Every structure is written in C-alpha cells, then in structure tokens.
C-alpha cells in the first residue's frame, strides 16, 4: 500500500484537506483509507450501549457490525500505543492510505499551514515534509500549494507515490 501523510499544528486545516483529498482521489477511481492520530483519549461508542458495556466488562476487542459497516474496537488497557506500522497491518488493502498526524514518523508528508494560527512551519526541520499547503505565501525549498487547491495537491501526492 502507498502511504502519504498530512501534518500540521492544531487548526492548520489538516482535517479539511484530508476530507477534500479523499473525495478527489476516490473520485479518480482509486481506493483510499485514512488513519487519524488522536493525542487524547476518545470513545467511538457511547455509555449504555451494548458495545460500550462489553468493553467496560473487560473485553479486549469488540466488533460492532451492521449491514452498512463494522467497527473493531481494541482496548489497549495497560499496553503502549501501537505504532503506525502496526496499525497499518490492520487495514484492508487499498491504493493509498492517507495519514493525518504521526508527524514524527518517516513517511512522506505535506504540511498544512495557516498563517493565522501563529505557529511556525514544521517543514524546515523535517525532510519528510515534501511540500507545504498554505493559505499564504511561504518561503521554503519545497513546493508550496494553495491550501484550497485540492486537485494540485492530489496530483502531487499521486505522483510522489507512483499512482
């Protein structure tokens, strides 16, 4: 599977860019899966629901299934957070996996950047950031795209991974 990341600081536009890229790339007939790193504890089900009760009772994994989708929840309990490489082995085969976050991992990435946040660029200190998608001009030794130019960004990613 081909892998490409979208990184950036909070409120840089990562999720919106991911959403637009998935729409654009799947619209070209390619299959895409996504991985999103969360820096906080999260729950995909709700207190009181059967799957939540199964997990609370101590189940290591709960697979919730319907005719439209399934979700596999794996409780880490006392284990460490799995690496991106470990998580990728759990995905079905697709043409491209887009990863939001995991900025310290070695896969190629585009940095989403919004000047209004006041954050500095990640790219100058990270050679795995191959380009920047920004809402304002940026001086850097790599390609810079308009943050809203989804077609050009998708073209760049697909060219980078050979699709």
C-alpha atoms as a PDB file:
ATOM      1  CA  UNK A   1       0.000   0.000   0.000  1.00  0.00           C
ATOM      2  CA  UNK A   2       1.115   3.524  -0.721  1.00  0.00           C
ATOM      3  CA  UNK A   3       1.234   5.897   2.241  1.00  0.00           C
ATOM      4  CA  UNK A   4       1.195   9.694   2.456  1.00  0.00           C
ATOM      5  CA  UNK A   5       0.723  11.980   5.433  1.00  0.00           C
ATOM      6  CA  UNK A   6      -0.860  15.313   6.205  1.00  0.00           C
ATOM      7  CA  UNK A   7       0.697  17.082   9.175  1.00  0.00           C
ATOM      8  CA  UNK A   8       0.475  20.494  10.762  1.00  0.00           C
ATOM      9  CA  UNK A   9      -0.206  22.171  14.056  1.00  0.00           C
ATOM     10  CA  UNK A  10      -3.699  22.489  15.554  1.00  0.00           C
ATOM     11  CA  UNK A  11      -6.180  24.422  13.353  1.00  0.00           C
ATOM     12  CA  UNK A  12      -3.849  24.310  10.336  1.00  0.00           C
ATOM     13  CA  UNK A  13      -6.510  22.767   8.093  1.00  0.00           C
ATOM     14  CA  UNK A  14      -5.393  19.131   8.174  1.00  0.00           C
ATOM     15  CA  UNK A  15      -8.813  17.519   8.518  1.00  0.00           C
ATOM     16  CA  UNK A  16     -10.444  19.656   5.833  1.00  0.00           C
ATOM     17  CA  UNK A  17      -7.572  18.894   3.478  1.00  0.00           C
ATOM     18  CA  UNK A  18      -7.820  15.172   4.262  1.00  0.00           C
ATOM     19  CA  UNK A  19     -11.545  15.206   3.550  1.00  0.00           C
ATOM     20  CA  UNK A  20     -11.095  17.015   0.226  1.00  0.00           C
ATOM     21  CA  UNK A  21      -8.224  14.708  -0.794  1.00  0.00           C
ATOM     22  CA  UNK A  22     -10.248  11.563  -0.066  1.00  0.00           C
ATOM     23  CA  UNK A  23     -13.110  12.920  -2.190  1.00  0.00           C
ATOM     24  CA  UNK A  24     -10.766  13.946  -5.017  1.00  0.00           C
ATOM     25  CA  UNK A  25      -8.693  10.771  -5.107  1.00  0.00           C
ATOM     26  CA  UNK A  26     -11.603   8.335  -4.774  1.00  0.00           C
ATOM     27  CA  UNK A  27     -13.323  10.357  -7.496  1.00  0.00           C
ATOM     28  CA  UNK A  28     -10.430   9.351  -9.743  1.00  0.00           C
ATOM     29  CA  UNK A  29     -11.255   5.682  -9.166  1.00  0.00           C
ATOM     30  CA  UNK A  30      -8.608   4.898  -6.558  1.00  0.00           C
ATOM     31  CA  UNK A  31      -9.330   3.300  -3.186  1.00  0.00           C
ATOM     32  CA  UNK A  32      -8.298   5.297  -0.124  1.00  0.00           C
ATOM     33  CA  UNK A  33      -8.230   4.561   3.598  1.00  0.00           C
ATOM     34  CA  UNK A  34      -7.331   7.018   6.327  1.00  0.00           C
ATOM     35  CA  UNK A  35      -5.557   6.874   9.667  1.00  0.00           C
ATOM     36  CA  UNK A  36      -6.059   9.707  12.152  1.00  0.00           C
ATOM     37  CA  UNK A  37      -3.843  10.081  15.198  1.00  0.00           C
ATOM     38  CA  UNK A  38      -5.561  11.449  18.297  1.00  0.00           C
ATOM     39  CA  UNK A  39      -3.488  12.930  21.094  1.00  0.00           C
ATOM     40  CA  UNK A  40      -6.285  12.395  23.577  1.00  0.00           C
ATOM     41  CA  UNK A  41      -8.433   9.559  24.857  1.00  0.00           C
ATOM     42  CA  UNK A  42     -11.511   9.001  22.715  1.00  0.00           C
ATOM     43  CA  UNK A  43     -14.516   6.727  22.544  1.00  0.00           C
ATOM     44  CA  UNK A  44     -16.268   5.586  19.376  1.00  0.00           C
ATOM     45  CA  UNK A  45     -19.289   4.266  21.209  1.00  0.00           C
ATOM     46  CA  UNK A  46     -21.491   5.683  23.955  1.00  0.00           C
ATOM     47  CA  UNK A  47     -22.050   4.821  27.596  1.00  0.00           C
ATOM     48  CA  UNK A  48     -25.003   2.484  27.998  1.00  0.00           C
ATOM     49  CA  UNK A  49     -24.732   0.969  24.512  1.00  0.00           C
ATOM     50  CA  UNK A  50     -24.087  -2.767  24.300  1.00  0.00           C
ATOM     51  CA  UNK A  51     -20.617  -2.430  22.753  1.00  0.00           C
ATOM     52  CA  UNK A  52     -19.584   0.058  25.437  1.00  0.00           C
ATOM     53  CA  UNK A  53     -20.836  -2.307  28.128  1.00  0.00           C
ATOM     54  CA  UNK A  54     -18.832  -5.183  26.587  1.00  0.00           C
ATOM     55  CA  UNK A  55     -15.640  -3.109  26.731  1.00  0.00           C
ATOM     56  CA  UNK A  56     -16.353  -1.904  30.265  1.00  0.00           C
ATOM     57  CA  UNK A  57     -16.844  -5.535  31.301  1.00  0.00           C
ATOM     58  CA  UNK A  58     -13.266  -6.262  30.194  1.00  0.00           C
ATOM     59  CA  UNK A  59     -13.422  -7.438  26.574  1.00  0.00           C
ATOM     60  CA  UNK A  60     -10.122  -6.934  24.757  1.00  0.00           C
ATOM     61  CA  UNK A  61     -11.856  -6.459  21.413  1.00  0.00           C
ATOM     62  CA  UNK A  62     -15.419  -5.633  20.491  1.00  0.00           C
ATOM     63  CA  UNK A  63     -16.509  -5.904  16.877  1.00  0.00           C
ATOM     64  CA  UNK A  64     -19.698  -3.990  16.178  1.00  0.00           C
ATOM     65  CA  UNK A  65     -21.298  -4.915  12.845  1.00  0.00           C
ATOM     66  CA  UNK A  66     -24.308  -3.980  10.729  1.00  0.00           C
ATOM     67  CA  UNK A  67     -25.196  -4.349   7.070  1.00  0.00           C
ATOM     68  CA  UNK A  68     -23.575  -0.954   6.338  1.00  0.00           C
ATOM     69  CA  UNK A  69     -20.295  -1.070   8.301  1.00  0.00           C
ATOM     70  CA  UNK A  70     -18.318  -2.652  11.086  1.00  0.00           C
ATOM     71  CA  UNK A  71     -16.076  -1.177  13.732  1.00  0.00           C
ATOM     72  CA  UNK A  72     -13.444  -3.078  15.661  1.00  0.00           C
ATOM     73  CA  UNK A  73     -12.533  -1.549  18.992  1.00  0.00           C
ATOM     74  CA  UNK A  74      -9.406  -2.856  20.669  1.00  0.00           C
ATOM     75  CA  UNK A  75      -8.757  -1.889  24.259  1.00  0.00           C
ATOM     76  CA  UNK A  76      -5.098  -1.293  24.995  1.00  0.00           C
ATOM     77  CA  UNK A  77      -5.631  -1.458  28.754  1.00  0.00           C
ATOM     78  CA  UNK A  78      -2.045  -1.460  30.058  1.00  0.00           C
ATOM     79  CA  UNK A  79      -0.304  -1.742  26.657  1.00  0.00           C
ATOM     80  CA  UNK A  80       1.537   1.014  24.893  1.00  0.00           C
ATOM     81  CA  UNK A  81       0.077   2.894  21.952  1.00  0.00           C
ATOM     82  CA  UNK A  82       0.655   0.860  18.767  1.00  0.00           C
ATOM     83  CA  UNK A  83       2.984   2.278  16.142  1.00  0.00           C
ATOM     84  CA  UNK A  84       1.703   3.493  12.790  1.00  0.00           C
ATOM     85  CA  UNK A  85       3.368   0.471  11.158  1.00  0.00           C
ATOM     86  CA  UNK A  86       1.450  -1.884  13.461  1.00  0.00           C
ATOM     87  CA  UNK A  87      -1.833  -0.128  12.782  1.00  0.00           C
ATOM     88  CA  UNK A  88      -1.346  -0.263   9.012  1.00  0.00           C
ATOM     89  CA  UNK A  89      -1.294  -4.072   9.178  1.00  0.00           C
ATOM     90  CA  UNK A  90      -4.904  -3.941  10.381  1.00  0.00           C
ATOM     91  CA  UNK A  91      -6.174  -2.154   7.259  1.00  0.00           C
ATOM     92  CA  UNK A  92      -7.547  -3.861   4.177  1.00  0.00           C
ATOM     93  CA  UNK A  93      -5.514  -3.393   1.010  1.00  0.00           C
ATOM     94  CA  UNK A  94      -6.198  -0.089  -0.794  1.00  0.00           C
ATOM     95  CA  UNK A  95      -4.380   2.028  -3.354  1.00  0.00           C
ATOM     96  CA  UNK A  96      -3.489   4.800  -0.893  1.00  0.00           C
ATOM     97  CA  UNK A  97      -3.551   5.354   2.854  1.00  0.00           C
ATOM     98  CA  UNK A  98      -3.695   8.997   3.907  1.00  0.00           C
ATOM     99  CA  UNK A  99      -2.427   9.610   7.430  1.00  0.00           C
ATOM    100  CA  UNK A 100      -3.424  12.634   9.485  1.00  0.00           C
ATOM    101  CA  UNK A 101      -0.887  13.240  12.219  1.00  0.00           C
ATOM    102  CA  UNK A 102       2.035  10.978  13.077  1.00  0.00           C
ATOM    103  CA  UNK A 103       4.314  13.881  12.210  1.00  0.00           C
ATOM    104  CA  UNK A 104       7.364  12.197  13.769  1.00  0.00           C
ATOM    105  CA  UNK A 105       7.094   9.069  11.586  1.00  0.00           C
ATOM    106  CA  UNK A 106       9.292   8.689   8.490  1.00  0.00           C
ATOM    107  CA  UNK A 107       6.633   8.513   5.747  1.00  0.00           C
ATOM    108  CA  UNK A 108       6.372  11.375   3.204  1.00  0.00           C
ATOM    109  CA  UNK A 109       4.071  14.232   4.170  1.00  0.00           C
ATOM    110  CA  UNK A 110       2.520  17.525   3.159  1.00  0.00           C
ATOM    111  CA  UNK A 111       2.273  20.180   5.838  1.00  0.00           C
ATOM    112  CA  UNK A 112      -0.997  22.091   6.140  1.00  0.00           C
ATOM    113  CA  UNK A 113      -0.266  25.638   7.269  1.00  0.00           C
ATOM    114  CA  UNK A 114      -2.445  28.620   8.152  1.00  0.00           C
ATOM    115  CA  UNK A 115      -0.662  31.857   8.999  1.00  0.00           C
ATOM    116  CA  UNK A 116      -3.450  32.996  11.332  1.00  0.00           C
ATOM    117  CA  UNK A 117      -2.547  30.296  13.883  1.00  0.00           C
ATOM    118  CA  UNK A 118       0.797  31.975  14.558  1.00  0.00           C
ATOM    119  CA  UNK A 119       2.631  28.642  14.511  1.00  0.00           C
ATOM    120  CA  UNK A 120       5.962  28.075  12.828  1.00  0.00           C
ATOM    121  CA  UNK A 121       6.410  25.682   9.921  1.00  0.00           C
ATOM    122  CA  UNK A 122       7.357  22.089  10.657  1.00  0.00           C
ATOM    123  CA  UNK A 123       8.905  21.605   7.203  1.00  0.00           C
ATOM    124  CA  UNK A 124      12.247  23.427   7.641  1.00  0.00           C
ATOM    125  CA  UNK A 125      13.336  20.936  10.303  1.00  0.00           C
ATOM    126  CA  UNK A 126      11.723  17.836   8.775  1.00  0.00           C
ATOM    127  CA  UNK A 127      12.929  16.391   5.458  1.00  0.00           C
ATOM    128  CA  UNK A 128       9.936  14.002   5.351  1.00  0.00           C
ATOM    129  CA  UNK A 129       7.701  17.031   4.700  1.00  0.00           C
ATOM    130  CA  UNK A 130       7.872  17.133   0.899  1.00  0.00           C
ATOM    131  CA  UNK A 131       5.608  20.160   0.335  1.00  0.00           C
ATOM    132  CA  UNK A 132       3.526  22.774   2.119  1.00  0.00           C
ATOM    133  CA  UNK A 133      -0.144  23.580   1.547  1.00  0.00           C
ATOM    134  CA  UNK A 134      -0.655  27.103   2.844  1.00  0.00           C
ATOM    135  CA  UNK A 135      -3.212  29.904   2.892  1.00  0.00           C
ATOM    136  CA  UNK A 136      -0.428  32.480   2.499  1.00  0.00           C
ATOM    137  CA  UNK A 137       2.958  32.775   0.757  1.00  0.00           C
ATOM    138  CA  UNK A 138       5.686  30.642   2.327  1.00  0.00           C
ATOM    139  CA  UNK A 139       9.427  30.784   1.679  1.00  0.00           C
ATOM    140  CA  UNK A 140      10.786  27.243   1.674  1.00  0.00           C
ATOM    141  CA  UNK A 141      12.924  24.993  -0.527  1.00  0.00           C
ATOM    142  CA  UNK A 142       9.988  22.673  -1.359  1.00  0.00           C
ATOM    143  CA  UNK A 143       6.820  23.007  -3.410  1.00  0.00           C
ATOM    144  CA  UNK A 144       4.142  25.254  -1.925  1.00  0.00           C
ATOM    145  CA  UNK A 145       0.473  24.798  -2.849  1.00  0.00           C
ATOM    146  CA  UNK A 146      -2.567  26.878  -2.076  1.00  0.00           C
ATOM    147  CA  UNK A 147      -4.255  25.094   0.839  1.00  0.00           C
ATOM    148  CA  UNK A 148      -7.509  25.006  -1.148  1.00  0.00           C
ATOM    149  CA  UNK A 149      -6.004  23.696  -4.409  1.00  0.00           C
ATOM    150  CA  UNK A 150      -7.037  20.110  -3.761  1.00  0.00           C
ATOM    151  CA  UNK A 151      -6.528  18.988  -7.368  1.00  0.00           C
ATOM    152  CA  UNK A 152      -2.887  20.146  -7.459  1.00  0.00           C
ATOM    153  CA  UNK A 153      -2.177  18.654  -4.024  1.00  0.00           C
ATOM    154  CA  UNK A 154      -3.765  15.330  -5.052  1.00  0.00           C
ATOM    155  CA  UNK A 155      -1.739  15.367  -8.307  1.00  0.00           C
ATOM    156  CA  UNK A 156       1.453  15.917  -6.271  1.00  0.00           C
ATOM    157  CA  UNK A 157       0.712  13.109  -3.804  1.00  0.00           C
ATOM    158  CA  UNK A 158      -0.256  10.628  -6.504  1.00  0.00           C
ATOM    159  CA  UNK A 159       2.876  11.478  -8.478  1.00  0.00           C
ATOM    160  CA  UNK A 160       5.027  11.080  -5.359  1.00  0.00           C
ATOM    161  CA  UNK A 161       3.663   7.591  -4.645  1.00  0.00           C
ATOM    162  CA  UNK A 162       3.583   6.478  -8.272  1.00  0.00           C
ATOM    163  CA  UNK A 163      -0.193   6.268  -8.745  1.00  0.00           C
END
